[in-house]
Every structure is written in C-alpha cells, then in structure tokens.
Amino acid sequence: MLQKRRKKIEEPLGWAKTVGLTAPTMLRGTERLSAQFTMTMANCNLARLTKLLAT
C-alpha cells in the first residue's frame, strides 16, 4: 500500500526534476518558485493526459 502511494508522489516529482527543469532553477523568492512549480506540474499532468487518452 505504501509503495503505491509513494509511486504516485515520486514519479511526478522525478519528472519535474529531469524533464521539467525544476532542479536547476535560477528563480528567487517563494512566489516565483511556486509559479514555476505549478506550471511544471501542469505540464506533467498534460503529458499524463495524452497517455491516458491514447488508451
């Protein structure tokens, strides 16, 4: 049960670090960083949505 929950959390965060370029951020301040993180997670959801609609 814990492994399933962990996978749901870790996969999008890993995607954000590698594909979404969240790890090497140059932004300063919580507002800007929060906005970048929100946009990155929205992109992650869009990428997941294309896979879900294809099946």
PDB file of N, CA and C in Angstrom:
ATOM      1  N   MET A   1       0.824  -1.191   0.000  1.00  0.00           N
ATOM      2  CA  MET A   1       0.000   0.000   0.000  1.00  0.00           C
ATOM      3  C   MET A   1       0.874   1.263   0.000  1.00  0.00           C
ATOM      4  N   LEU A   2       1.892   1.284   0.825  1.00  0.00           N
ATOM      5  CA  LEU A   2       2.767   2.443   0.904  1.00  0.00           C
ATOM      6  C   LEU A   2       3.531   2.636  -0.406  1.00  0.00           C
ATOM      7  N   GLN A   3       3.932   1.546  -1.046  1.00  0.00           N
ATOM      8  CA  GLN A   3       4.676   1.647  -2.293  1.00  0.00           C
ATOM      9  C   GLN A   3       3.831   2.279  -3.396  1.00  0.00           C
ATOM     10  N   LYS A   4       2.539   1.978  -3.432  1.00  0.00           N
ATOM     11  CA  LYS A   4       1.664   2.562  -4.447  1.00  0.00           C
ATOM     12  C   LYS A   4       1.520   4.064  -4.237  1.00  0.00           C
ATOM     13  N   ARG A   5       1.370   4.464  -2.969  1.00  0.00           N
ATOM     14  CA  ARG A   5       1.268   5.891  -2.663  1.00  0.00           C
ATOM     15  C   ARG A   5       2.568   6.613  -2.993  1.00  0.00           C
ATOM     16  N   ARG A   6       3.668   5.996  -2.658  1.00  0.00           N
ATOM     17  CA  ARG A   6       4.971   6.606  -2.920  1.00  0.00           C
ATOM     18  C   ARG A   6       5.195   6.795  -4.417  1.00  0.00           C
ATOM     19  N   LYS A   7       4.769   5.809  -5.212  1.00  0.00           N
ATOM     20  CA  LYS A   7       4.946   5.904  -6.657  1.00  0.00           C
ATOM     21  C   LYS A   7       4.155   7.073  -7.221  1.00  0.00           C
ATOM     22  N   LYS A   8       2.941   7.299  -6.718  1.00  0.00           N
ATOM     23  CA  LYS A   8       2.120   8.402  -7.194  1.00  0.00           C
ATOM     24  C   LYS A   8       2.756   9.756  -6.889  1.00  0.00           C
ATOM     25  N   ILE A   9       3.514   9.828  -5.822  1.00  0.00           N
ATOM     26  CA  ILE A   9       4.138  11.086  -5.431  1.00  0.00           C
ATOM     27  C   ILE A   9       5.503  11.254  -6.089  1.00  0.00           C
ATOM     28  N   GLU A  10       6.301  10.207  -6.088  1.00  0.00           N
ATOM     29  CA  GLU A  10       7.685  10.307  -6.550  1.00  0.00           C
ATOM     30  C   GLU A  10       7.803  10.459  -8.062  1.00  0.00           C
ATOM     31  N   GLU A  11       6.927   9.817  -8.832  1.00  0.00           N
ATOM     32  CA  GLU A  11       7.055   9.889 -10.287  1.00  0.00           C
ATOM     33  C   GLU A  11       6.898  11.305 -10.829  1.00  0.00           C
ATOM     34  N   PRO A  12       5.852  12.050 -10.443  1.00  0.00           N
ATOM     35  CA  PRO A  12       5.758  13.424 -10.960  1.00  0.00           C
ATOM     36  C   PRO A  12       6.895  14.329 -10.491  1.00  0.00           C
ATOM     37  N   LEU A  13       7.358  14.138  -9.266  1.00  0.00           N
ATOM     38  CA  LEU A  13       8.472  14.967  -8.789  1.00  0.00           C
ATOM     39  C   LEU A  13       9.759  14.627  -9.535  1.00  0.00           C
ATOM     40  N   GLY A  14       9.969  13.364  -9.837  1.00  0.00           N
ATOM     41  CA  GLY A  14      11.124  12.972 -10.638  1.00  0.00           C
ATOM     42  C   GLY A  14      11.036  13.529 -12.047  1.00  0.00           C
ATOM     43  N   TRP A  15       9.828  13.495 -12.608  1.00  0.00           N
ATOM     44  CA  TRP A  15       9.615  14.061 -13.937  1.00  0.00           C
ATOM     45  C   TRP A  15       9.925  15.552 -13.924  1.00  0.00           C
ATOM     46  N   ALA A  16       9.485  16.239 -12.877  1.00  0.00           N
ATOM     47  CA  ALA A  16       9.718  17.682 -12.780  1.00  0.00           C
ATOM     48  C   ALA A  16      11.195  18.005 -12.703  1.00  0.00           C
ATOM     49  N   LYS A  17      11.955  17.174 -12.044  1.00  0.00           N
ATOM     50  CA  LYS A  17      13.386  17.439 -11.904  1.00  0.00           C
ATOM     51  C   LYS A  17      14.147  17.168 -13.194  1.00  0.00           C
ATOM     52  N   THR A  18      13.758  16.126 -13.930  1.00  0.00           N
ATOM     53  CA  THR A  18      14.509  15.766 -15.129  1.00  0.00           C
ATOM     54  C   THR A  18      13.988  16.474 -16.374  1.00  0.00           C
ATOM     55  N   VAL A  19      12.712  16.360 -16.649  1.00  0.00           N
ATOM     56  CA  VAL A  19      12.145  16.919 -17.865  1.00  0.00           C
ATOM     57  C   VAL A  19      11.700  18.364 -17.659  1.00  0.00           C
ATOM     58  N   GLY A  20      11.096  18.633 -16.511  1.00  0.00           N
ATOM     59  CA  GLY A  20      10.540  19.955 -16.248  1.00  0.00           C
ATOM     60  C   GLY A  20      11.553  21.002 -15.847  1.00  0.00           C
ATOM     61  N   LEU A  21      12.790  20.633 -15.678  1.00  0.00           N
ATOM     62  CA  LEU A  21      13.877  21.558 -15.344  1.00  0.00           C
ATOM     63  C   LEU A  21      13.631  22.337 -14.053  1.00  0.00           C
ATOM     64  N   THR A  22      13.073  21.675 -13.063  1.00  0.00           N
ATOM     65  CA  THR A  22      12.855  22.325 -11.775  1.00  0.00           C
ATOM     66  C   THR A  22      14.124  22.308 -10.927  1.00  0.00           C
ATOM     67  N   ALA A  23      14.964  21.299 -11.085  1.00  0.00           N
ATOM     68  CA  ALA A  23      16.145  21.169 -10.238  1.00  0.00           C
ATOM     69  C   ALA A  23      17.134  22.340 -10.396  1.00  0.00           C
ATOM     70  N   PRO A  24      17.515  22.717 -11.630  1.00  0.00           N
ATOM     71  CA  PRO A  24      18.483  23.819 -11.753  1.00  0.00           C
ATOM     72  C   PRO A  24      17.812  25.186 -11.877  1.00  0.00           C
ATOM     73  N   THR A  25      16.919  25.501 -10.973  1.00  0.00           N
ATOM     74  CA  THR A  25      16.185  26.768 -11.088  1.00  0.00           C
ATOM     75  C   THR A  25      17.069  27.963 -10.769  1.00  0.00           C
ATOM     76  N   MET A  26      16.792  29.052 -11.443  1.00  0.00           N
ATOM     77  CA  MET A  26      17.527  30.295 -11.225  1.00  0.00           C
ATOM     78  C   MET A  26      16.650  31.330 -10.536  1.00  0.00           C
ATOM     79  N   LEU A  27      15.435  30.943 -10.183  1.00  0.00           N
ATOM     80  CA  LEU A  27      14.491  31.889  -9.597  1.00  0.00           C
ATOM     81  C   LEU A  27      14.760  32.095  -8.113  1.00  0.00           C
ATOM     82  N   ARG A  28      14.388  33.278  -7.637  1.00  0.00           N
ATOM     83  CA  ARG A  28      14.500  33.588  -6.225  1.00  0.00           C
ATOM     84  C   ARG A  28      13.139  34.044  -5.734  1.00  0.00           C
ATOM     85  N   GLY A  29      12.792  33.648  -4.528  1.00  0.00           N
ATOM     86  CA  GLY A  29      11.522  34.058  -3.942  1.00  0.00           C
ATOM     87  C   GLY A  29      10.485  32.954  -4.032  1.00  0.00           C
ATOM     88  N   THR A  30       9.656  32.896  -3.026  1.00  0.00           N
ATOM     89  CA  THR A  30       8.668  31.817  -2.967  1.00  0.00           C
ATOM     90  C   THR A  30       7.574  31.984  -4.015  1.00  0.00           C
ATOM     91  N   GLU A  31       7.209  33.213  -4.348  1.00  0.00           N
ATOM     92  CA  GLU A  31       6.149  33.417  -5.332  1.00  0.00           C
ATOM     93  C   GLU A  31       6.579  32.948  -6.714  1.00  0.00           C
ATOM     94  N   ARG A  32       7.770  33.303  -7.123  1.00  0.00           N
ATOM     95  CA  ARG A  32       8.253  32.903  -8.445  1.00  0.00           C
ATOM     96  C   ARG A  32       8.498  31.397  -8.511  1.00  0.00           C
ATOM     97  N   LEU A  33       9.079  30.860  -7.463  1.00  0.00           N
ATOM     98  CA  LEU A  33       9.345  29.429  -7.449  1.00  0.00           C
ATOM     99  C   LEU A  33       8.055  28.632  -7.412  1.00  0.00           C
ATOM    100  N   SER A  34       7.071  29.125  -6.680  1.00  0.00           N
ATOM    101  CA  SER A  34       5.769  28.470  -6.624  1.00  0.00           C
ATOM    102  C   SER A  34       5.093  28.490  -7.986  1.00  0.00           C
ATOM    103  N   ALA A  35       5.197  29.601  -8.686  1.00  0.00           N
ATOM    104  CA  ALA A  35       4.604  29.697 -10.023  1.00  0.00           C
ATOM    105  C   ALA A  35       5.284  28.731 -10.991  1.00  0.00           C
ATOM    106  N   GLN A  36       6.612  28.622 -10.913  1.00  0.00           N
ATOM    107  CA  GLN A  36       7.326  27.694 -11.789  1.00  0.00           C
ATOM    108  C   GLN A  36       6.929  26.256 -11.476  1.00  0.00           C
ATOM    109  N   PHE A  37       6.827  25.917 -10.205  1.00  0.00           N
ATOM    110  CA  PHE A  37       6.459  24.566  -9.816  1.00  0.00           C
ATOM    111  C   PHE A  37       5.041  24.235 -10.281  1.00  0.00           C
ATOM    112  N   THR A  38       4.122  25.197 -10.150  1.00  0.00           N
ATOM    113  CA  THR A  38       2.748  24.978 -10.592  1.00  0.00           C
ATOM    114  C   THR A  38       2.696  24.735 -12.097  1.00  0.00           C
ATOM    115  N   MET A  39       3.429  25.527 -12.857  1.00  0.00           N
ATOM    116  CA  MET A  39       3.447  25.337 -14.313  1.00  0.00           C
ATOM    117  C   MET A  39       4.087  24.008 -14.693  1.00  0.00           C
ATOM    118  N   THR A  40       5.125  23.611 -13.992  1.00  0.00           N
ATOM    119  CA  THR A  40       5.783  22.342 -14.279  1.00  0.00           C
ATOM    120  C   THR A  40       4.850  21.177 -14.001  1.00  0.00           C
ATOM    121  N   MET A  41       4.130  21.228 -12.889  1.00  0.00           N
ATOM    122  CA  MET A  41       3.193  20.149 -12.560  1.00  0.00           C
ATOM    123  C   MET A  41       2.010  20.122 -13.523  1.00  0.00           C
ATOM    124  N   ALA A  42       1.591  21.296 -14.012  1.00  0.00           N
ATOM    125  CA  ALA A  42       0.533  21.336 -15.020  1.00  0.00           C
ATOM    126  C   ALA A  42       1.004  20.667 -16.310  1.00  0.00           C
ATOM    127  N   ASN A  43       2.256  20.915 -16.687  1.00  0.00           N
ATOM    128  CA  ASN A  43       2.819  20.258 -17.865  1.00  0.00           C
ATOM    129  C   ASN A  43       2.919  18.754 -17.660  1.00  0.00           C
ATOM    130  N   CYS A  44       3.255  18.345 -16.461  1.00  0.00           N
ATOM    131  CA  CYS A  44       3.327  16.922 -16.150  1.00  0.00           C
ATOM    132  C   CYS A  44       1.948  16.279 -16.311  1.00  0.00           C
ATOM    133  N   ASN A  45       0.918  16.974 -15.826  1.00  0.00           N
ATOM    134  CA  ASN A  45      -0.439  16.453 -15.956  1.00  0.00           C
ATOM    135  C   ASN A  45      -0.874  16.387 -17.413  1.00  0.00           C
ATOM    136  N   LEU A  46      -0.472  17.346 -18.218  1.00  0.00           N
ATOM    137  CA  LEU A  46      -0.788  17.303 -19.641  1.00  0.00           C
ATOM    138  C   LEU A  46      -0.096  16.141 -20.340  1.00  0.00           C
ATOM    139  N   ALA A  47       1.126  15.867 -19.945  1.00  0.00           N
ATOM    140  CA  ALA A  47       1.844  14.723 -20.516  1.00  0.00           C
ATOM    141  C   ALA A  47       1.167  13.419 -20.118  1.00  0.00           C
ATOM    142  N   ARG A  48       0.711  13.330 -18.882  1.00  0.00           N
ATOM    143  CA  ARG A  48      -0.002  12.133 -18.436  1.00  0.00           C
ATOM    144  C   ARG A  48      -1.343  12.002 -19.142  1.00  0.00           C
ATOM    145  N   LEU A  49      -1.994  13.123 -19.395  1.00  0.00           N
ATOM    146  CA  LEU A  49      -3.315  13.110 -20.026  1.00  0.00           C
ATOM    147  C   LEU A  49      -3.246  12.535 -21.429  1.00  0.00           C
ATOM    148  N   THR A  50      -2.206  12.854 -22.173  1.00  0.00           N
ATOM    149  CA  THR A  50      -2.087  12.306 -23.531  1.00  0.00           C
ATOM    150  C   THR A  50      -1.961  10.792 -23.496  1.00  0.00           C
ATOM    151  N   LYS A  51      -1.257  10.272 -22.501  1.00  0.00           N
ATOM    152  CA  LYS A  51      -1.133   8.813 -22.383  1.00  0.00           C
ATOM    153  C   LYS A  51      -2.448   8.180 -21.988  1.00  0.00           C
ATOM    154  N   LEU A  52      -3.196   8.846 -21.108  1.00  0.00           N
ATOM    155  CA  LEU A  52      -4.484   8.308 -20.663  1.00  0.00           C
ATOM    156  C   LEU A  52      -5.512   8.315 -21.790  1.00  0.00           C
ATOM    157  N   LEU A  53      -5.507   9.351 -22.620  1.00  0.00           N
ATOM    158  CA  LEU A  53      -6.462   9.428 -23.718  1.00  0.00           C
ATOM    159  C   LEU A  53      -6.129   8.470 -24.855  1.00  0.00           C
ATOM    160  N   ALA A  54      -4.876   8.086 -24.949  1.00  0.00           N
ATOM    161  CA  ALA A  54      -4.459   7.166 -26.019  1.00  0.00           C
ATOM    162  C   ALA A  54      -4.948   5.741 -25.757  1.00  0.00           C
ATOM    163  N   THR A  55      -5.204   5.405 -24.517  1.00  0.00           N
ATOM    164  CA  THR A  55      -5.632   4.030 -24.206  1.00  0.00           C
ATOM    165  C   THR A  55      -7.128   3.887 -24.261  1.00  0.00           C
TER     166      THR A  55
END
